[in-house]
Amino acid sequence: MNQEHTQTRSLEEEFQQIESLIQQLEQEDIPLQESFQLYSQGMESLKHCMNMITDVEKQIQIIDEAGE
């Protein structure tokens, strides 16, 4: 997965991407090599989601500490 493309997607788009990857992985006739690639893409998307969530949590904490 292209790192630049991942950074431009919203959290909702990342979740949709993960859902799509899960559906592909659930296919019975998927070759092993392709399943590894899909898994890797999913983990990258999940990592990006977690980073975005962490960034938002940090922003909320800063706002809370500022009393806003």
Protein backbone atom coordinates (compact mmCIF):
# COMPACT_ATOMS: atom_id res chain seq x y z
CA MET A 1 0.00 0.00 0.00
CA ASN A 2 1.22 3.43 -0.90
CA GLN A 3 2.12 5.43 2.24
CA GLU A 4 1.06 8.74 0.64
CA HIS A 5 -2.35 7.32 -0.29
CA THR A 6 -2.87 6.02 3.24
CA GLN A 7 -2.14 9.44 4.73
CA THR A 8 -4.76 11.16 2.57
CA ARG A 9 -7.66 8.88 3.52
CA SER A 10 -10.06 9.73 6.30
CA LEU A 11 -10.66 7.42 9.24
CA GLU A 12 -13.96 6.34 7.69
CA GLU A 13 -12.22 5.52 4.40
CA GLU A 14 -9.60 3.50 6.25
CA PHE A 15 -12.35 1.51 7.99
CA GLN A 16 -13.99 0.88 4.61
CA GLN A 17 -10.64 -0.29 3.23
CA ILE A 18 -10.21 -2.69 6.15
CA GLU A 19 -13.75 -4.03 5.65
CA SER A 20 -13.01 -4.60 1.96
CA LEU A 21 -9.80 -6.44 2.81
CA ILE A 22 -11.64 -8.64 5.31
CA GLN A 23 -14.22 -9.57 2.68
CA GLN A 24 -11.45 -10.51 0.26
CA LEU A 25 -9.66 -12.56 2.92
CA GLU A 26 -12.87 -14.46 3.66
CA GLN A 27 -12.98 -15.85 0.11
CA GLU A 28 -12.28 -19.56 0.14
CA ASP A 29 -10.27 -19.66 -3.09
CA ILE A 30 -7.79 -16.88 -2.25
CA PRO A 31 -4.16 -17.84 -2.93
CA LEU A 32 -1.87 -17.85 0.10
CA GLN A 33 0.46 -15.19 -1.31
CA GLU A 34 -2.48 -12.86 -1.96
CA SER A 35 -3.82 -13.44 1.54
CA PHE A 36 -0.46 -12.38 2.99
CA GLN A 37 -0.51 -9.21 0.88
CA LEU A 38 -4.08 -8.39 1.93
CA TYR A 39 -3.21 -9.04 5.57
CA SER A 40 -0.21 -6.71 5.30
CA GLN A 41 -2.36 -3.99 3.72
CA GLY A 42 -4.92 -4.42 6.47
CA MET A 43 -2.30 -4.08 9.17
CA GLU A 44 -0.98 -0.89 7.55
CA SER A 45 -4.51 0.52 7.41
CA LEU A 46 -5.11 -0.45 11.03
CA LYS A 47 -1.83 1.15 12.06
CA HIS A 48 -2.81 4.34 10.25
CA CYS A 49 -6.23 4.31 11.98
CA MET A 50 -4.60 3.94 15.37
CA ASN A 51 -2.23 6.82 14.63
CA MET A 52 -5.12 9.07 13.61
CA ILE A 53 -7.09 8.14 16.74
CA THR A 54 -4.04 8.77 18.93
CA ASP A 55 -3.58 12.20 17.33
CA VAL A 56 -7.20 13.12 18.05
CA GLU A 57 -6.89 11.89 21.64
CA LYS A 58 -3.81 14.08 22.11
CA GLN A 59 -5.68 17.09 20.72
CA ILE A 60 -8.60 16.45 23.08
CA GLN A 61 -6.24 16.14 26.03
CA ILE A 62 -4.59 19.45 25.16
CA ILE A 63 -7.98 21.14 24.93
CA ASP A 64 -9.07 19.60 28.26
CA GLU A 65 -5.87 20.74 29.98
CA ALA A 66 -6.36 24.25 28.60
CA GLY A 67 -9.82 24.30 30.14
CA GLU A 68 -11.62 24.81 26.88
